[in-house]
Amino acid sequence: MYRIVLLPGDGIGPEIMAVAAKVLTAVADKFELAFDCQTALVGGAAIDAVGHPLPPETLELCQNSHAVLLAAVGGEKWDNLPSHLRPEQALLGLRSGLKLFANIRPAKILPQLIDASTLKREVVEGVDLVVVRELTGGIYFGQPKGIFTDSNGVRRGVNTMAYLETEIDRIAHVAFQTARLRRKQVCSVDKSNVLEVSQLWRERVTAIGQQYPDVTLTHMYVDNCAMQLVRNPRQFDVILTANLFGDILSDEAAMLTGSIGMLPSASLGEAGKPGLFEPVHGSAPDIAGKDIANPIAQVLSIAMMLRYGLQQPQAADAIELAVSLVLDQGKRTGDIMAPGCERVGCQAMGEAIVAQIHSL
């Protein structure tokens, strides 16, 4: 019996989480698994209900689970709240409260969707990379932070980018171990030509790399990496980088695949502790409630949860295969629509995936 916490959140979150719940039921039936799923408040929905984006009860429920499945948080409705009460603070609170220090974001082009990419076929065909992003350090958590007013009444915004060498070492190990399961290449991305924190980053990653002689390590400045991702993305296998850089680069990498609505992610901590699994897209409040959202990233997040969080690789493979077969049938949501394909809504796409799982 696996205890799973479902966090629908805001915008399209409830719609894609409804699809996820049906997929979980189908997987449980197919592979004789048992999921005890409990739904909890998070983000803007939690603010509206109890005045805080991450209620203590939600965090406690997550800490006592086997895995957490999140949809999305945020929206213009809450943009004018104080920073500590905005929906996005729930993400930082979950990462901190669950001690999730490693974010794994794959960006793999599916053959059926090559022409959905905004880049040329010859650029994106064969792209298969992973961004390993440090998640609990860097500029999002460094102190001091805030907006301060000096004696002359001039305001100053401050954020501090800081890393302990131990934080760098542990995320480097994740990247090298991930590379060992793939093509054995790690590109560490930093800004060591101008940032002292990046100079320490490069020094420690180089030192950890010596423990993995079978893995090739290269280094690249973040601005060059941003350019290379759209110039020649096939050169990358595993990209290792800090919190802020990883936040930006992983979204850029996501668009190589044609739609950010296609990609899942996993945020992991210590072995045996619950991980957080979520799509990389946002809450898309402009299309909420219209049954046009793409649920595939949410569905593939379940596959990552089964593989990385629950050690059920066979069930994970089945979900990924079901998604591929549905795309082979030509079914598409609007964001990945192509000539000659059948346009379907969020729920219809979910039903098609569930049917494929049952037929395997």
Protein backbone atom coordinates (compact mmCIF):
# COMPACT_ATOMS: atom_id res chain seq x y z
CA MET A 1 0.00 0.00 0.00
CA TYR A 2 1.57 3.25 -1.17
CA ARG A 3 0.45 6.48 0.51
CA ILE A 4 0.26 9.13 -2.22
CA VAL A 5 -0.58 12.79 -1.58
CA LEU A 6 -2.31 14.55 -4.48
CA LEU A 7 -1.89 18.33 -4.64
CA PRO A 8 -4.13 19.69 -7.45
CA GLY A 9 -3.39 23.34 -6.69
CA ASP A 10 -4.58 26.06 -9.06
CA GLY A 11 -5.57 26.83 -12.64
CA ILE A 12 -5.58 23.68 -14.75
CA GLY A 13 -4.27 21.70 -11.77
CA PRO A 14 -7.57 20.11 -10.75
CA GLU A 15 -8.29 19.06 -14.37
CA ILE A 16 -4.97 17.34 -15.00
CA MET A 17 -4.96 15.81 -11.52
CA ALA A 18 -8.36 14.25 -12.25
CA VAL A 19 -6.73 12.53 -15.23
CA ALA A 20 -3.82 11.46 -13.01
CA ALA A 21 -6.19 9.85 -10.50
CA LYS A 22 -7.75 7.74 -13.27
CA VAL A 23 -4.30 6.70 -14.51
CA LEU A 24 -3.30 5.67 -10.99
CA THR A 25 -6.41 3.52 -10.73
CA ALA A 26 -5.67 1.89 -14.08
CA VAL A 27 -2.05 1.17 -13.09
CA ALA A 28 -3.14 -0.25 -9.74
CA ASP A 29 -5.56 -2.63 -11.48
CA LYS A 30 -3.04 -3.65 -14.13
CA PHE A 31 -0.09 -4.32 -11.81
CA GLU A 32 -1.90 -5.32 -8.60
CA LEU A 33 -0.70 -2.26 -6.72
CA ALA A 34 -2.56 -0.38 -4.00
CA PHE A 35 -2.57 3.41 -3.70
CA ASP A 36 -3.99 5.23 -0.71
CA CYS A 37 -4.46 8.67 -2.30
CA GLN A 38 -5.26 11.70 -0.17
CA THR A 39 -5.89 15.15 -1.62
CA ALA A 40 -4.63 18.28 0.15
CA LEU A 41 -4.65 22.05 -0.31
CA VAL A 42 -1.69 23.91 -1.73
CA GLY A 43 -0.94 27.22 -3.48
CA GLY A 44 -3.67 29.73 -4.23
CA ALA A 45 -6.40 27.26 -3.34
CA ALA A 46 -4.89 26.96 0.12
CA ILE A 47 -4.60 30.75 0.45
CA ASP A 48 -8.28 31.14 -0.35
CA ALA A 49 -9.27 28.41 2.10
CA VAL A 50 -6.96 28.93 5.08
CA GLY A 51 -4.83 32.00 4.31
CA HIS A 52 -1.49 30.26 3.67
CA PRO A 53 -0.03 28.63 0.52
CA LEU A 54 1.31 25.59 2.40
CA PRO A 55 -0.83 24.68 5.42
CA PRO A 56 1.02 22.73 8.15
CA GLU A 57 -1.42 19.84 7.70
CA THR A 58 -0.48 19.56 4.03
CA LEU A 59 3.24 19.50 4.74
CA GLU A 60 2.79 16.92 7.51
CA LEU A 61 0.71 14.71 5.22
CA CYS A 62 3.41 14.92 2.55
CA GLN A 63 6.19 14.11 5.02
CA ASN A 64 4.35 10.95 6.06
CA SER A 65 3.69 9.74 2.51
CA HIS A 66 5.58 7.52 0.08
CA ALA A 67 5.37 10.14 -2.68
CA VAL A 68 3.77 13.47 -3.52
CA LEU A 69 2.12 14.22 -6.87
CA LEU A 70 1.70 17.95 -7.55
CA ALA A 71 -0.13 19.61 -10.45
CA ALA A 72 0.48 23.39 -10.48
CA VAL A 73 0.20 26.52 -8.34
CA GLY A 74 -0.17 30.24 -8.95
CA GLY A 75 -2.17 32.74 -10.95
CA GLU A 76 -2.75 36.46 -11.40
CA LYS A 77 -5.37 36.39 -8.67
CA TRP A 78 -2.65 36.19 -6.02
CA ASP A 79 0.10 38.23 -7.69
CA ASN A 80 -0.33 41.25 -5.43
CA LEU A 81 0.04 39.37 -2.16
CA PRO A 82 3.19 39.83 -0.05
CA SER A 83 5.98 37.60 -1.33
CA HIS A 84 5.85 35.23 1.65
CA LEU A 85 2.16 34.55 1.02
CA ARG A 86 2.23 34.00 -2.74
CA PRO A 87 1.31 30.53 -4.06
CA GLU A 88 4.86 29.84 -5.30
CA GLN A 89 6.09 29.88 -1.72
CA ALA A 90 4.37 26.50 -1.35
CA LEU A 91 6.90 25.02 -3.78
CA LEU A 92 9.83 26.36 -1.78
CA GLY A 93 8.20 25.13 1.44
CA LEU A 94 7.68 21.64 0.05
CA ARG A 95 11.25 21.43 -1.22
CA SER A 96 12.59 22.61 2.11
CA GLY A 97 10.19 20.61 4.28
CA LEU A 98 10.80 17.39 2.36
CA LYS A 99 14.53 18.14 2.00
CA LEU A 100 14.37 17.77 -1.77
CA PHE A 101 17.74 18.87 -3.06
CA ALA A 102 17.81 17.32 -6.55
CA ASN A 103 15.46 18.17 -9.40
CA ILE A 104 15.57 15.86 -12.42
CA ARG A 105 13.95 17.19 -15.60
CA PRO A 106 14.15 15.10 -18.78
CA ALA A 107 13.73 16.71 -22.19
CA LYS A 108 13.29 14.01 -24.79
CA ILE A 109 11.79 14.60 -28.21
CA LEU A 110 9.13 12.04 -29.07
CA PRO A 111 9.22 10.99 -32.74
CA GLN A 112 5.51 11.75 -33.12
CA LEU A 113 6.03 15.37 -32.02
CA ILE A 114 9.17 16.44 -33.85
CA ASP A 115 7.20 18.79 -36.07
CA ALA A 116 5.49 20.35 -33.03
CA SER A 117 8.79 21.90 -31.98
CA THR A 118 9.40 25.50 -32.96
CA LEU A 119 12.92 24.49 -34.04
CA LYS A 120 13.86 22.75 -37.26
CA ARG A 121 13.58 18.97 -37.43
CA GLU A 122 17.32 18.59 -38.08
CA VAL A 123 18.03 20.48 -34.84
CA VAL A 124 15.72 18.65 -32.44
CA GLU A 125 15.54 15.14 -33.90
CA GLY A 126 17.17 12.75 -31.43
CA VAL A 127 17.31 15.20 -28.51
CA ASP A 128 17.43 13.27 -25.23
CA LEU A 129 18.84 15.17 -22.27
CA VAL A 130 18.32 15.58 -18.54
CA VAL A 131 18.75 18.73 -16.47
CA VAL A 132 19.90 17.99 -12.91
CA ARG A 133 19.17 21.13 -10.91
CA GLU A 134 20.21 21.84 -7.32
CA LEU A 135 16.98 22.69 -5.55
CA THR A 136 17.42 23.86 -1.95
CA GLY A 137 20.38 26.23 -2.12
CA GLY A 138 21.49 29.14 -4.24
CA ILE A 139 19.80 32.48 -4.71
CA TYR A 140 16.28 31.30 -3.83
CA PHE A 141 17.29 30.38 -0.29
CA GLY A 142 20.42 32.47 0.41
CA GLN A 143 20.45 35.04 3.20
CA PRO A 144 20.18 37.99 3.47
CA LYS A 145 17.19 38.53 1.21
CA GLY A 146 14.48 41.14 1.06
CA ILE A 147 13.72 44.77 0.20
CA PHE A 148 15.38 47.22 2.56
CA THR A 149 15.14 50.99 2.99
CA ASP A 150 18.22 52.99 3.95
CA SER A 151 18.40 56.14 6.07
CA ASN A 152 17.78 58.28 2.98
CA GLY A 153 14.59 56.42 2.13
CA VAL A 154 16.12 54.61 -0.85
CA ARG A 155 14.90 51.03 -1.26
CA ARG A 156 17.28 48.20 -2.13
CA GLY A 157 16.36 44.69 -3.24
CA VAL A 158 18.72 41.96 -2.08
CA ASN A 159 19.05 38.26 -2.89
CA THR A 160 22.11 36.23 -1.99
CA MET A 161 23.48 33.42 -4.15
CA ALA A 162 25.36 31.11 -1.81
CA TYR A 163 26.37 27.44 -1.75
CA LEU A 164 28.06 25.22 0.79
CA GLU A 165 30.55 22.85 -0.77
CA THR A 166 28.59 19.96 0.74
CA GLU A 167 25.49 21.09 -1.18
CA ILE A 168 27.49 21.16 -4.40
CA ASP A 169 29.02 17.75 -3.74
CA ARG A 170 25.72 15.94 -3.20
CA ILE A 171 24.04 17.32 -6.33
CA ALA A 172 27.16 16.52 -8.34
CA HIS A 173 26.92 12.89 -7.22
CA VAL A 174 23.31 12.78 -8.46
CA ALA A 175 24.36 14.10 -11.87
CA PHE A 176 27.23 11.65 -12.29
CA GLN A 177 25.11 8.71 -11.14
CA THR A 178 22.36 9.75 -13.56
CA ALA A 179 24.90 9.96 -16.39
CA ARG A 180 26.10 6.44 -15.64
CA LEU A 181 22.61 5.21 -16.55
CA ARG A 182 22.67 7.17 -19.81
CA ARG A 183 25.48 8.20 -22.20
CA LYS A 184 28.02 8.99 -19.44
CA GLN A 185 28.41 12.70 -20.14
CA VAL A 186 27.98 15.55 -17.67
CA CYS A 187 28.10 19.22 -18.64
CA SER A 188 28.35 21.39 -15.53
CA VAL A 189 26.94 24.88 -16.12
CA ASP A 190 28.05 27.91 -14.11
CA LYS A 191 29.16 31.54 -14.37
CA SER A 192 32.61 31.13 -12.86
CA ASN A 193 34.12 33.92 -14.94
CA VAL A 194 32.32 36.51 -12.77
CA LEU A 195 30.79 34.75 -9.75
CA GLU A 196 32.83 33.45 -6.81
CA VAL A 197 30.03 31.05 -5.89
CA SER A 198 30.40 29.53 -9.37
CA GLN A 199 34.15 29.28 -8.91
CA LEU A 200 33.55 27.09 -5.85
CA TRP A 201 30.90 25.17 -7.84
CA ARG A 202 33.33 24.38 -10.64
CA GLU A 203 36.09 23.39 -8.20
CA ARG A 204 33.87 20.95 -6.29
CA VAL A 205 32.21 19.44 -9.38
CA THR A 206 35.65 18.81 -10.84
CA ALA A 207 36.76 17.11 -7.62
CA ILE A 208 33.64 14.89 -7.48
CA GLY A 209 34.08 14.06 -11.16
CA GLN A 210 37.38 12.37 -10.38
CA GLN A 211 35.38 9.71 -8.53
CA TYR A 212 33.58 8.85 -11.79
CA PRO A 213 36.39 8.16 -14.29
CA ASP A 214 33.92 6.48 -16.67
CA VAL A 215 31.93 9.73 -17.03
CA THR A 216 33.15 12.59 -19.23
CA LEU A 217 32.88 15.99 -17.51
CA THR A 218 32.81 19.31 -19.34
CA HIS A 219 32.09 22.85 -18.13
CA MET A 220 30.10 25.61 -19.82
CA TYR A 221 29.07 29.16 -18.91
CA VAL A 222 25.33 29.54 -18.48
CA ASP A 223 24.89 32.13 -21.23
CA ASN A 224 26.66 29.86 -23.71
CA CYS A 225 24.56 26.90 -22.56
CA ALA A 226 21.37 28.86 -23.21
CA MET A 227 22.58 29.49 -26.74
CA GLN A 228 23.78 25.92 -27.33
CA LEU A 229 20.42 24.47 -26.25
CA VAL A 230 18.80 26.02 -29.32
CA ARG A 231 21.84 25.74 -31.59
CA ASN A 232 22.89 22.12 -31.01
CA PRO A 233 20.88 20.46 -28.21
CA ARG A 234 21.96 16.93 -29.18
CA GLN A 235 25.41 17.61 -27.70
CA PHE A 236 23.97 17.38 -24.17
CA ASP A 237 23.37 14.27 -22.08
CA VAL A 238 23.19 15.43 -18.43
CA ILE A 239 23.29 19.15 -17.62
CA LEU A 240 24.26 19.84 -14.00
CA THR A 241 23.59 23.31 -12.66
CA ALA A 242 22.58 25.52 -9.75
CA ASN A 243 19.08 26.46 -8.67
CA LEU A 244 18.55 29.70 -10.60
CA PHE A 245 20.32 28.58 -13.78
CA GLY A 246 18.51 25.24 -13.71
CA ASP A 247 15.14 26.92 -13.34
CA ILE A 248 15.71 28.84 -16.57
CA LEU A 249 17.56 26.23 -18.63
CA SER A 250 15.13 23.41 -17.85
CA ASP A 251 12.19 25.47 -19.19
CA GLU A 252 14.19 26.30 -22.30
CA ALA A 253 15.01 22.62 -22.78
CA ALA A 254 11.34 21.76 -22.33
CA MET A 255 10.38 23.82 -25.36
CA LEU A 256 12.70 21.80 -27.59
CA THR A 257 10.12 19.02 -27.37
CA GLY A 258 7.30 21.08 -28.84
CA SER A 259 5.33 21.84 -25.70
CA ILE A 260 6.11 22.44 -22.07
CA GLY A 261 2.89 20.50 -21.47
CA MET A 262 4.71 17.28 -22.33
CA LEU A 263 7.42 17.12 -19.68
CA PRO A 264 7.47 15.75 -16.12
CA SER A 265 9.98 16.27 -13.33
CA ALA A 266 11.14 14.60 -10.12
CA SER A 267 12.44 16.33 -7.01
CA LEU A 268 14.32 13.91 -4.79
CA GLY A 269 15.95 13.93 -1.37
CA GLU A 270 17.45 11.23 0.78
CA ALA A 271 16.89 7.60 -0.17
CA GLY A 272 13.69 6.23 1.32
CA LYS A 273 12.12 9.67 1.79
CA PRO A 274 9.13 10.95 -0.22
CA GLY A 275 9.88 12.70 -3.49
CA LEU A 276 7.82 15.35 -5.26
CA PHE A 277 6.69 14.67 -8.83
CA GLU A 278 5.15 17.37 -11.02
CA PRO A 279 4.81 18.73 -14.55
CA VAL A 280 7.26 21.47 -15.45
CA HIS A 281 4.50 23.73 -16.79
CA GLY A 282 2.57 26.29 -14.79
CA SER A 283 -1.07 26.60 -13.78
CA ALA A 284 -2.23 28.25 -17.06
CA PRO A 285 -5.21 30.04 -15.48
CA ASP A 286 -6.24 31.44 -18.87
CA ILE A 287 -7.32 27.99 -20.06
CA ALA A 288 -8.51 26.60 -16.71
CA GLY A 289 -11.91 24.92 -16.81
CA LYS A 290 -12.02 24.74 -20.61
CA ASP A 291 -11.00 21.06 -20.92
CA ILE A 292 -8.19 21.96 -23.34
CA ALA A 293 -5.12 21.50 -21.11
CA ASN A 294 -2.55 18.87 -22.00
CA PRO A 295 -2.46 16.26 -19.17
CA ILE A 296 0.48 14.27 -20.57
CA ALA A 297 3.16 15.91 -18.40
CA GLN A 298 1.07 15.12 -15.33
CA VAL A 299 0.65 11.52 -16.49
CA LEU A 300 4.36 11.15 -17.19
CA SER A 301 5.04 12.56 -13.70
CA ILE A 302 3.27 9.46 -12.39
CA ALA A 303 5.70 7.36 -14.42
CA MET A 304 8.63 9.20 -12.81
CA MET A 305 7.03 8.69 -9.39
CA LEU A 306 6.71 4.97 -10.01
CA ARG A 307 10.28 4.67 -11.30
CA TYR A 308 12.20 6.97 -8.94
CA GLY A 309 9.94 7.12 -5.90
CA LEU A 310 8.26 3.73 -5.62
CA GLN A 311 10.69 1.44 -7.51
CA GLN A 312 7.99 0.15 -9.86
CA PRO A 313 9.75 0.44 -13.24
CA GLN A 314 7.43 -1.97 -15.05
CA ALA A 315 4.41 0.17 -14.23
CA ALA A 316 6.35 3.29 -15.24
CA ASP A 317 7.24 1.74 -18.59
CA ALA A 318 3.58 0.89 -19.19
CA ILE A 319 2.48 4.50 -18.71
CA GLU A 320 5.16 5.82 -21.05
CA LEU A 321 4.25 3.22 -23.66
CA ALA A 322 0.55 4.06 -23.34
CA VAL A 323 1.27 7.74 -23.96
CA SER A 324 3.35 6.89 -27.03
CA LEU A 325 0.62 4.62 -28.43
CA VAL A 326 -2.03 7.32 -27.99
CA LEU A 327 0.18 9.77 -29.87
CA ASP A 328 0.64 7.10 -32.58
CA GLN A 329 -3.15 7.14 -32.94
CA GLY A 330 -2.91 10.82 -33.83
CA LYS A 331 -4.68 12.16 -30.76
CA ARG A 332 -3.49 15.64 -29.81
CA THR A 333 -4.40 18.42 -27.42
CA GLY A 334 -4.27 21.90 -28.90
CA ASP A 335 -0.70 22.71 -27.85
CA ILE A 336 0.71 19.78 -29.84
CA MET A 337 -1.83 19.75 -32.66
CA ALA A 338 -0.53 18.91 -36.15
CA PRO A 339 -2.17 18.54 -39.58
CA GLY A 340 -4.04 15.26 -39.98
CA CYS A 341 -4.34 14.65 -36.24
CA GLU A 342 -7.44 14.40 -34.07
CA ARG A 343 -7.88 17.25 -31.61
CA VAL A 344 -9.05 16.05 -28.19
CA GLY A 345 -9.59 17.66 -24.82
CA CYS A 346 -7.91 17.07 -21.49
CA GLN A 347 -10.31 14.42 -20.25
CA ALA A 348 -10.50 12.62 -23.61
CA MET A 349 -6.73 12.41 -23.75
CA GLY A 350 -6.74 10.91 -20.26
CA GLU A 351 -9.39 8.36 -21.21
CA ALA A 352 -7.36 7.31 -24.25
CA ILE A 353 -4.25 6.79 -22.12
CA VAL A 354 -6.21 4.78 -19.54
CA ALA A 355 -7.64 2.59 -22.30
CA GLN A 356 -4.15 1.89 -23.61
CA ILE A 357 -2.90 0.93 -20.14
CA HIS A 358 -5.73 -1.58 -19.80
CA SER A 359 -4.99 -3.02 -23.25
CA LEU A 360 -1.29 -3.65 -22.66
